[in-house]
């Protein structure tokens, strides 16, 4: 471990890349603590402490929403835009053709995602402002039309700024920039939560804390296993003769991830689960008794931990199957293998290979879907079983942190190996 750290700082390019990434994350954290003019931060923190359902949205913003900062929306609009473009790629033939054009097509789709981020940032910023204005304790006072437009422009510009920083970080090949921004927001909140836990610690909770610590270690290990777990499908490439040379004849494998969908199902599910509660909070302030009563019903349903947990778990599992079916194309994989002279031993090329790959995916998908579901509702389980609320890191947050660390470590190791190979 120490040897790897020493190698990192001995390689000039890698050292500069790491320092650049750290500098950009510091810039992000500074921006995350610059509040929007006119915001009551104390009331805002009380509002967040009373609304657990906003925690996931705060995570996706990189921890900037709880400060109502100029980058309050974080990278959430960009994530939403990217997901929408992925879905549209499967529906619109023109986008599907672009996705098959290699790096040039991917660059165009990414540009469309950036353009879509702008209206989404404006829309989500407006929704957040309206939600804060409807709170019991005033977070932001009455705004004129000019002031509202000004705040919307600032918050949307903050999202674009973070998107730009994320792309700069990604270019340094230390990890995915958007994921690292979210990672920085999660990690930044851990010391504060740990301090609160130490202040409120009592001997009566000692056993619960020990069990909770053990459960946290098991959870991290489980997330690593699920993130890294894969089924390797053996593939053999037939020998081909061109002129006087022979090519191919190699054995390799197709890696099938246990969790092929990543974090996307949790993002989908949390968006739907939070929607009734957010609508209820807006409706409960209505002057109409009927609308306010319906809003109270939505809030009561959303605050019921059992209903909330079951719905959340079911949606995560369902969206895992749904999203995997969108991104996984066994027919395309089988066709590419056949064109390249590859085949799965014992399976005929073409449709038999496609059916085999689909069956393998269907067998390993339940493990990934159920694991994601358990990870998603982990905070609900720990809070109700151990009665500890001051230092409960969400399962989704653990999944993000572990995934980002693993990805960054792999990219750093790849750069070290490249420098060693080149003799630099």
Protein backbone atom coordinates (compact mmCIF):
# COMPACT_ATOMS: atom_id res chain seq x y z
CA UNK A 1 0.00 0.00 0.00
CA UNK A 2 2.74 2.45 0.97
CA UNK A 3 4.68 1.43 -2.12
CA UNK A 4 1.69 2.30 -4.33
CA UNK A 5 1.32 5.70 -2.66
CA UNK A 6 5.02 6.36 -3.18
CA UNK A 7 4.69 5.40 -6.86
CA UNK A 8 1.73 7.75 -7.29
CA UNK A 9 3.72 10.77 -6.09
CA UNK A 10 6.80 9.77 -8.05
CA UNK A 11 4.90 9.86 -11.36
CA UNK A 12 4.63 13.53 -12.30
CA UNK A 13 1.56 13.30 -14.55
CA UNK A 14 -0.37 11.19 -12.06
CA UNK A 15 0.62 13.43 -9.15
CA UNK A 16 -0.50 16.55 -11.04
CA UNK A 17 -3.79 14.87 -11.97
CA UNK A 18 -4.50 13.97 -8.35
CA UNK A 19 -3.71 17.50 -7.16
CA UNK A 20 -5.94 18.94 -9.89
CA UNK A 21 -8.85 16.67 -8.91
CA UNK A 22 -8.43 17.58 -5.23
CA UNK A 23 -8.35 21.26 -6.15
CA UNK A 24 -11.57 21.00 -8.18
CA UNK A 25 -13.33 19.17 -5.34
CA UNK A 26 -12.25 21.92 -2.93
CA UNK A 27 -13.69 24.52 -5.31
CA UNK A 28 -16.95 22.56 -5.35
CA UNK A 29 -17.11 22.39 -1.55
CA UNK A 30 -16.47 26.15 -1.31
CA UNK A 31 -19.30 26.83 -3.76
CA UNK A 32 -21.55 24.45 -1.80
CA UNK A 33 -21.26 26.73 1.24
CA UNK A 34 -22.19 29.97 -0.55
CA UNK A 35 -25.94 30.35 0.12
CA UNK A 36 -28.46 31.90 -2.21
CA UNK A 37 -29.12 35.54 -1.12
CA UNK A 38 -32.08 35.85 1.24
CA UNK A 39 -32.10 32.23 2.42
CA UNK A 40 -32.60 31.46 6.13
CA UNK A 41 -30.02 28.71 6.67
CA UNK A 42 -31.13 27.88 10.22
CA UNK A 43 -34.73 27.24 9.14
CA UNK A 44 -33.42 25.30 6.15
CA UNK A 45 -31.45 22.90 8.36
CA UNK A 46 -34.49 22.39 10.60
CA UNK A 47 -36.55 21.66 7.49
CA UNK A 48 -34.06 19.02 6.31
CA UNK A 49 -33.88 17.44 9.77
CA UNK A 50 -37.67 16.97 9.70
CA UNK A 51 -37.79 15.61 6.12
CA UNK A 52 -35.78 12.41 5.76
CA UNK A 53 -37.08 11.89 2.23
CA UNK A 54 -34.96 14.85 1.06
CA UNK A 55 -31.78 13.04 2.12
CA UNK A 56 -31.39 11.15 -1.16
CA UNK A 57 -31.95 14.30 -3.21
CA UNK A 58 -29.28 15.98 -1.10
CA UNK A 59 -26.90 13.08 -1.84
CA UNK A 60 -27.48 13.41 -5.60
CA UNK A 61 -26.79 17.14 -5.35
CA UNK A 62 -23.41 16.39 -3.76
CA UNK A 63 -24.54 17.63 -0.34
CA UNK A 64 -25.13 21.20 -1.59
CA UNK A 65 -28.92 21.26 -1.30
CA UNK A 66 -28.99 21.35 2.50
CA UNK A 67 -27.19 24.73 2.39
CA UNK A 68 -29.42 26.11 -0.40
CA UNK A 69 -26.20 27.18 -2.04
CA UNK A 70 -25.59 28.57 -5.50
CA UNK A 71 -24.95 24.96 -6.56
CA UNK A 72 -27.93 23.62 -4.60
CA UNK A 73 -29.14 21.40 -7.46
CA UNK A 74 -25.69 19.88 -7.78
CA UNK A 75 -25.34 17.41 -10.65
CA UNK A 76 -28.85 15.96 -10.24
CA UNK A 77 -30.23 17.65 -13.42
CA UNK A 78 -27.29 16.32 -15.44
CA UNK A 79 -27.84 12.81 -14.08
CA UNK A 80 -31.52 13.06 -14.99
CA UNK A 81 -30.65 14.31 -18.49
CA UNK A 82 -28.18 11.46 -19.01
CA UNK A 83 -30.78 8.87 -17.95
CA UNK A 84 -33.38 10.41 -20.28
CA UNK A 85 -30.94 10.33 -23.19
CA UNK A 86 -30.11 6.68 -22.47
CA UNK A 87 -33.79 5.82 -22.58
CA UNK A 88 -34.38 7.87 -25.74
CA UNK A 89 -31.44 6.14 -27.42
CA UNK A 90 -33.37 2.88 -27.18
CA UNK A 91 -36.55 4.45 -28.61
CA UNK A 92 -35.45 6.97 -31.27
CA UNK A 93 -33.75 5.29 -34.28
CA UNK A 94 -31.57 8.32 -35.03
CA UNK A 95 -30.09 8.32 -31.54
CA UNK A 96 -29.59 4.57 -31.72
CA UNK A 97 -27.61 5.03 -34.93
CA UNK A 98 -25.49 7.71 -33.24
CA UNK A 99 -24.72 5.36 -30.35
CA UNK A 100 -23.28 2.87 -32.85
CA UNK A 101 -20.98 5.43 -34.50
CA UNK A 102 -18.30 5.11 -31.85
CA UNK A 103 -16.70 8.06 -30.09
CA UNK A 104 -18.14 10.67 -32.48
CA UNK A 105 -21.70 9.47 -31.90
CA UNK A 106 -21.17 9.27 -28.16
CA UNK A 107 -19.85 12.84 -28.17
CA UNK A 108 -23.02 14.07 -29.90
CA UNK A 109 -25.27 12.25 -27.43
CA UNK A 110 -23.27 13.74 -24.55
CA UNK A 111 -23.76 17.18 -26.09
CA UNK A 112 -27.51 16.59 -26.22
CA UNK A 113 -27.38 15.60 -22.54
CA UNK A 114 -25.63 18.87 -21.69
CA UNK A 115 -28.23 20.90 -23.59
CA UNK A 116 -31.08 19.02 -21.90
CA UNK A 117 -29.49 19.75 -18.51
CA UNK A 118 -30.23 23.49 -18.85
CA UNK A 119 -34.07 23.33 -18.93
CA UNK A 120 -34.06 20.53 -16.35
CA UNK A 121 -31.89 22.64 -14.02
CA UNK A 122 -34.30 25.58 -14.39
CA UNK A 123 -37.33 23.36 -13.78
CA UNK A 124 -35.86 21.55 -10.76
CA UNK A 125 -34.55 24.81 -9.28
CA UNK A 126 -38.03 26.32 -9.53
CA UNK A 127 -39.56 23.25 -7.88
CA UNK A 128 -37.04 23.42 -5.02
CA UNK A 129 -37.74 27.14 -4.44
CA UNK A 130 -41.48 26.53 -4.39
CA UNK A 131 -41.00 23.67 -1.91
CA UNK A 132 -38.94 25.85 0.42
CA UNK A 133 -41.45 28.70 0.17
CA UNK A 134 -44.24 26.31 1.28
CA UNK A 135 -42.38 25.19 4.43
CA UNK A 136 -43.81 25.94 7.89
CA UNK A 137 -40.72 27.95 8.82
CA UNK A 138 -39.89 30.52 6.13
CA UNK A 139 -36.68 29.51 4.34
CA UNK A 140 -36.83 32.15 1.67
CA UNK A 141 -39.08 35.20 1.77
CA UNK A 142 -41.30 36.67 -0.87
CA UNK A 143 -39.52 37.11 -4.17
CA UNK A 144 -40.27 39.50 -6.96
CA UNK A 145 -40.30 38.17 -10.51
CA UNK A 146 -36.86 39.64 -11.16
CA UNK A 147 -35.41 38.12 -7.96
CA UNK A 148 -36.91 34.71 -8.78
CA UNK A 149 -35.47 34.75 -12.30
CA UNK A 150 -32.11 35.87 -10.90
CA UNK A 151 -31.99 32.97 -8.39
CA UNK A 152 -33.08 30.47 -11.05
CA UNK A 153 -30.31 31.64 -13.36
CA UNK A 154 -27.70 31.46 -10.59
CA UNK A 155 -28.72 27.95 -9.49
CA UNK A 156 -28.85 26.68 -13.08
CA UNK A 157 -25.44 28.21 -13.77
CA UNK A 158 -24.17 26.41 -10.66
CA UNK A 159 -25.30 23.09 -12.11
CA UNK A 160 -23.58 23.82 -15.43
CA UNK A 161 -20.44 24.85 -13.53
CA UNK A 162 -20.38 21.54 -11.64
CA UNK A 163 -21.03 19.62 -14.86
CA UNK A 164 -17.99 21.36 -16.40
CA UNK A 165 -15.86 20.57 -13.33
CA UNK A 166 -16.98 16.94 -13.49
CA UNK A 167 -15.92 16.63 -17.12
CA UNK A 168 -12.53 18.22 -16.36
CA UNK A 169 -12.03 15.67 -13.57
CA UNK A 170 -13.03 12.79 -15.84
CA UNK A 171 -10.39 13.86 -18.40
CA UNK A 172 -7.67 13.32 -15.77
CA UNK A 173 -8.52 9.58 -15.66
CA UNK A 174 -8.71 9.43 -11.87
CA UNK A 175 -12.38 8.48 -11.83
CA UNK A 176 -15.75 9.66 -13.07
CA UNK A 177 -16.03 13.38 -12.32
CA UNK A 178 -19.78 13.40 -11.59
CA UNK A 179 -19.42 10.44 -9.22
CA UNK A 180 -16.49 12.09 -7.45
CA UNK A 181 -18.53 15.25 -6.87
CA UNK A 182 -21.30 13.20 -5.24
CA UNK A 183 -18.63 11.26 -3.32
CA UNK A 184 -17.15 14.50 -1.96
CA UNK A 185 -20.56 15.62 -0.72
CA UNK A 186 -21.16 12.33 1.11
CA UNK A 187 -17.73 12.17 2.71
CA UNK A 188 -17.94 15.83 3.80
CA UNK A 189 -20.98 15.06 5.95
CA UNK A 190 -19.49 12.06 7.76
CA UNK A 191 -17.31 14.02 10.29
CA UNK A 192 -20.29 16.19 11.30
CA UNK A 193 -22.55 13.16 11.78
CA UNK A 194 -19.79 11.39 13.73
CA UNK A 195 -19.36 14.41 16.00
CA UNK A 196 -23.10 14.50 16.72
CA UNK A 197 -23.06 10.79 17.48
CA UNK A 198 -20.21 11.19 19.98
CA UNK A 199 -21.98 14.10 21.70
CA UNK A 200 -25.24 12.15 22.08
CA UNK A 201 -23.56 8.82 22.92
CA UNK A 202 -24.81 6.97 26.00
CA UNK A 203 -23.73 3.71 27.62
CA UNK A 204 -27.19 2.27 27.03
CA UNK A 205 -26.53 2.44 23.29
CA UNK A 206 -23.06 0.88 23.46
CA UNK A 207 -24.21 -2.58 22.36
CA UNK A 208 -26.32 -1.11 19.55
CA UNK A 209 -23.31 0.84 18.31
CA UNK A 210 -21.12 -2.27 18.32
CA UNK A 211 -23.71 -4.23 16.38
CA UNK A 212 -24.24 -1.28 14.03
CA UNK A 213 -20.49 -1.02 13.42
CA UNK A 214 -20.31 -4.72 12.58
CA UNK A 215 -23.31 -4.36 10.29
CA UNK A 216 -21.63 -1.41 8.56
CA UNK A 217 -18.51 -3.50 7.84
CA UNK A 218 -20.64 -6.37 6.54
CA UNK A 219 -22.57 -3.93 4.36
CA UNK A 220 -19.40 -2.45 2.87
CA UNK A 221 -18.06 -5.94 2.17
CA UNK A 222 -21.38 -6.89 0.58
CA UNK A 223 -21.40 -3.80 -1.60
CA UNK A 224 -17.85 -4.59 -2.77
CA UNK A 225 -18.86 -8.17 -3.60
CA UNK A 226 -21.95 -7.04 -5.51
CA UNK A 227 -20.09 -4.25 -7.32
CA UNK A 228 -17.17 -6.47 -8.33
CA UNK A 229 -19.12 -9.71 -8.73
CA UNK A 230 -19.38 -11.02 -12.27
CA UNK A 231 -20.05 -14.18 -14.23
CA UNK A 232 -17.40 -14.88 -16.86
CA UNK A 233 -18.73 -16.48 -20.06
CA UNK A 234 -15.90 -18.28 -21.94
CA UNK A 235 -15.46 -17.18 -25.55
CA UNK A 236 -13.17 -18.70 -28.17
CA UNK A 237 -12.12 -16.91 -31.34
CA UNK A 238 -11.56 -19.18 -34.32
CA UNK A 239 -8.31 -19.03 -36.24
CA UNK A 240 -8.34 -17.01 -39.43
CA UNK A 241 -5.74 -17.05 -42.21
CA UNK A 242 -5.02 -13.91 -44.18
CA UNK A 243 -2.28 -14.25 -46.74
CA UNK A 244 0.59 -16.06 -45.09
CA UNK A 245 -0.40 -15.11 -41.53
CA UNK A 246 -2.71 -16.77 -39.05
CA UNK A 247 -4.85 -14.69 -36.70
CA UNK A 248 -7.11 -15.50 -33.77
CA UNK A 249 -7.31 -18.79 -31.98
CA UNK A 250 -7.45 -17.10 -28.58
CA UNK A 251 -9.61 -17.82 -25.53
CA UNK A 252 -11.18 -15.02 -23.52
CA UNK A 253 -14.43 -14.34 -21.69
CA UNK A 254 -17.44 -12.02 -21.54
CA UNK A 255 -17.86 -10.46 -18.07
CA UNK A 256 -21.49 -10.31 -16.88
CA UNK A 257 -21.85 -8.03 -13.87
CA UNK A 258 -24.15 -9.15 -11.07
CA UNK A 259 -25.32 -5.54 -10.84
CA UNK A 260 -25.49 -4.40 -14.45
CA UNK A 261 -27.75 -1.43 -13.72
CA UNK A 262 -25.52 0.35 -11.19
CA UNK A 263 -27.14 3.19 -9.24
CA UNK A 264 -29.81 3.97 -11.86
CA UNK A 265 -32.64 1.83 -10.34
CA UNK A 266 -32.23 3.55 -6.96
CA UNK A 267 -32.37 6.98 -8.63
CA UNK A 268 -35.52 5.98 -10.54
CA UNK A 269 -37.16 4.52 -7.44
CA UNK A 270 -36.36 7.43 -5.12
CA UNK A 271 -37.79 9.87 -7.67
CA UNK A 272 -41.14 8.06 -7.63
CA UNK A 273 -41.17 7.40 -3.88
CA UNK A 274 -40.45 11.04 -3.05
CA UNK A 275 -42.99 12.46 -5.47
CA UNK A 276 -46.16 11.89 -3.35
CA UNK A 277 -44.49 13.37 -0.26
CA UNK A 278 -43.23 16.43 -2.11
CA UNK A 279 -46.64 16.98 -3.69
CA UNK A 280 -48.25 16.50 -0.28
CA UNK A 281 -46.03 19.15 1.29
CA UNK A 282 -47.08 21.62 -1.41
CA UNK A 283 -50.79 20.73 -1.15
CA UNK A 284 -51.01 20.84 2.65
CA UNK A 285 -50.51 24.63 2.57
CA UNK A 286 -53.40 25.13 0.18
CA UNK A 287 -56.33 27.34 1.17
CA UNK A 288 -58.72 24.62 -0.01
CA UNK A 289 -59.59 22.20 2.78
CA UNK A 290 -60.07 19.37 0.27
CA UNK A 291 -56.64 19.88 -1.32
CA UNK A 292 -55.00 20.27 2.10
CA UNK A 293 -56.70 17.10 3.35
CA UNK A 294 -55.51 15.13 0.33
CA UNK A 295 -52.01 16.49 0.93
CA UNK A 296 -52.15 15.24 4.54
CA UNK A 297 -53.12 11.77 3.30
CA UNK A 298 -50.13 11.72 0.94
CA UNK A 299 -47.83 12.81 3.76
CA UNK A 300 -49.16 10.14 6.13
CA UNK A 301 -48.67 7.43 3.51
CA UNK A 302 -45.14 8.67 2.82
CA UNK A 303 -44.26 8.84 6.52
CA UNK A 304 -45.41 5.25 7.16
CA UNK A 305 -42.05 3.45 7.36
CA UNK A 306 -43.49 0.04 6.46
CA UNK A 307 -45.33 1.24 3.34
CA UNK A 308 -42.42 3.48 2.35
CA UNK A 309 -39.88 0.67 2.74
CA UNK A 310 -41.92 -1.96 0.88
CA UNK A 311 -42.69 0.42 -1.98
CA UNK A 312 -39.07 1.58 -2.19
CA UNK A 313 -37.74 -2.01 -2.20
CA UNK A 314 -40.27 -3.15 -4.83
CA UNK A 315 -39.53 -0.22 -7.13
CA UNK A 316 -35.75 -0.73 -6.91
CA UNK A 317 -36.08 -4.42 -7.82
CA UNK A 318 -38.54 -3.65 -10.65
CA UNK A 319 -36.39 -0.86 -12.10
CA UNK A 320 -33.30 -3.09 -11.94
CA UNK A 321 -35.03 -5.56 -14.27
CA UNK A 322 -36.40 -2.73 -16.43
CA UNK A 323 -33.11 -0.84 -16.86
CA UNK A 324 -31.06 -4.01 -17.42
CA UNK A 325 -33.45 -5.04 -20.19
CA UNK A 326 -32.83 -1.65 -21.82
CA UNK A 327 -29.03 -1.62 -21.70
CA UNK A 328 -28.44 -5.36 -22.22
CA UNK A 329 -28.75 -6.54 -25.85
CA UNK A 330 -27.97 -10.28 -26.18
CA UNK A 331 -28.78 -10.31 -29.92
CA UNK A 332 -26.31 -7.50 -30.59
CA UNK A 333 -23.60 -9.20 -28.50
CA UNK A 334 -24.18 -12.51 -30.30
CA UNK A 335 -24.02 -10.81 -33.72
CA UNK A 336 -20.77 -9.03 -32.82
CA UNK A 337 -19.23 -12.28 -31.63
CA UNK A 338 -20.24 -14.04 -34.83
CA UNK A 339 -18.84 -11.23 -37.01
CA UNK A 340 -15.52 -11.37 -35.13
CA UNK A 341 -15.28 -15.15 -35.40
CA UNK A 342 -16.00 -15.74 -31.72
CA UNK A 343 -18.30 -18.31 -30.13
CA UNK A 344 -19.24 -19.70 -26.76
CA UNK A 345 -17.93 -23.30 -26.50
CA UNK A 346 -20.80 -25.77 -26.86
CA UNK A 347 -23.25 -23.10 -28.10
CA UNK A 348 -24.01 -22.49 -31.77
CA UNK A 349 -23.43 -18.91 -33.03
CA UNK A 350 -26.36 -16.59 -33.70
CA UNK A 351 -29.72 -16.95 -31.98
CA UNK A 352 -28.69 -19.92 -29.77
CA UNK A 353 -25.86 -17.76 -28.35
CA UNK A 354 -28.27 -14.84 -27.80
CA UNK A 355 -30.71 -17.12 -25.93
CA UNK A 356 -27.86 -18.51 -23.82
CA UNK A 357 -26.62 -15.02 -22.88
CA UNK A 358 -30.17 -13.92 -22.02
CA UNK A 359 -30.65 -16.98 -19.78
CA UNK A 360 -27.37 -16.29 -17.98
CA UNK A 361 -28.39 -12.68 -17.40
CA UNK A 362 -31.81 -13.77 -16.09
CA UNK A 363 -30.16 -16.17 -13.62
CA UNK A 364 -27.77 -13.63 -12.11
CA UNK A 365 -30.15 -10.65 -12.22
CA UNK A 366 -32.20 -11.60 -9.10
CA UNK A 367 -29.06 -11.46 -6.94
CA UNK A 368 -28.25 -7.96 -8.16
CA UNK A 369 -31.84 -6.71 -7.96
CA UNK A 370 -32.51 -8.04 -4.45
CA UNK A 371 -29.13 -6.77 -3.23
CA UNK A 372 -29.86 -3.27 -4.55
CA UNK A 373 -33.27 -3.38 -2.88
CA UNK A 374 -31.77 -4.30 0.50
CA UNK A 375 -29.08 -1.63 0.14
CA UNK A 376 -31.74 0.99 -0.63
CA UNK A 377 -33.86 0.30 2.49
CA UNK A 378 -30.87 -0.26 4.79
CA UNK A 379 -31.27 3.12 6.60
CA UNK A 380 -34.93 2.33 7.38
CA UNK A 381 -33.96 -1.05 8.85
CA UNK A 382 -31.11 0.30 10.98
CA UNK A 383 -33.11 3.25 12.31
CA UNK A 384 -36.06 1.10 13.38
CA UNK A 385 -34.03 -1.80 14.78
CA UNK A 386 -31.22 0.05 16.56
CA UNK A 387 -32.99 3.38 17.24
CA UNK A 388 -29.90 5.29 16.09
CA UNK A 389 -30.55 8.27 13.83
CA UNK A 390 -27.55 10.57 14.30
CA UNK A 391 -25.06 8.51 12.32
CA UNK A 392 -26.85 6.33 9.80
CA UNK A 393 -25.21 6.43 6.38
CA UNK A 394 -27.65 5.39 3.68
CA UNK A 395 -27.10 2.22 1.71
CA UNK A 396 -27.19 4.23 -1.52
CA UNK A 397 -24.44 6.48 -0.14
CA UNK A 398 -22.32 3.45 0.75
CA UNK A 399 -22.86 2.07 -2.75
CA UNK A 400 -21.72 5.35 -4.30
CA UNK A 401 -18.67 5.68 -2.03
CA UNK A 402 -17.51 2.08 -2.57
CA UNK A 403 -18.11 2.22 -6.34
CA UNK A 404 -16.23 5.51 -6.70
CA UNK A 405 -13.28 4.30 -4.62
CA UNK A 406 -13.02 1.04 -6.58
CA UNK A 407 -13.24 2.81 -9.93
CA UNK A 408 -10.65 5.43 -8.96
CA UNK A 409 -8.25 2.81 -7.59
CA UNK A 410 -8.51 0.81 -10.82
CA UNK A 411 -7.81 3.86 -12.98
CA UNK A 412 -4.85 4.88 -10.84
CA UNK A 413 -3.44 1.34 -10.96
CA UNK A 414 -3.87 1.32 -14.74
CA UNK A 415 -1.88 4.55 -15.05
CA UNK A 416 0.85 3.20 -12.79
CA UNK A 417 1.05 0.01 -14.88
CA UNK A 418 1.22 2.06 -18.09
CA UNK A 419 4.12 4.14 -16.75
CA UNK A 420 5.95 1.01 -15.61
CA UNK A 421 5.42 -0.57 -19.04
CA UNK A 422 6.72 2.51 -20.81
CA UNK A 423 9.63 2.76 -18.40
CA UNK A 424 8.75 6.33 -17.36
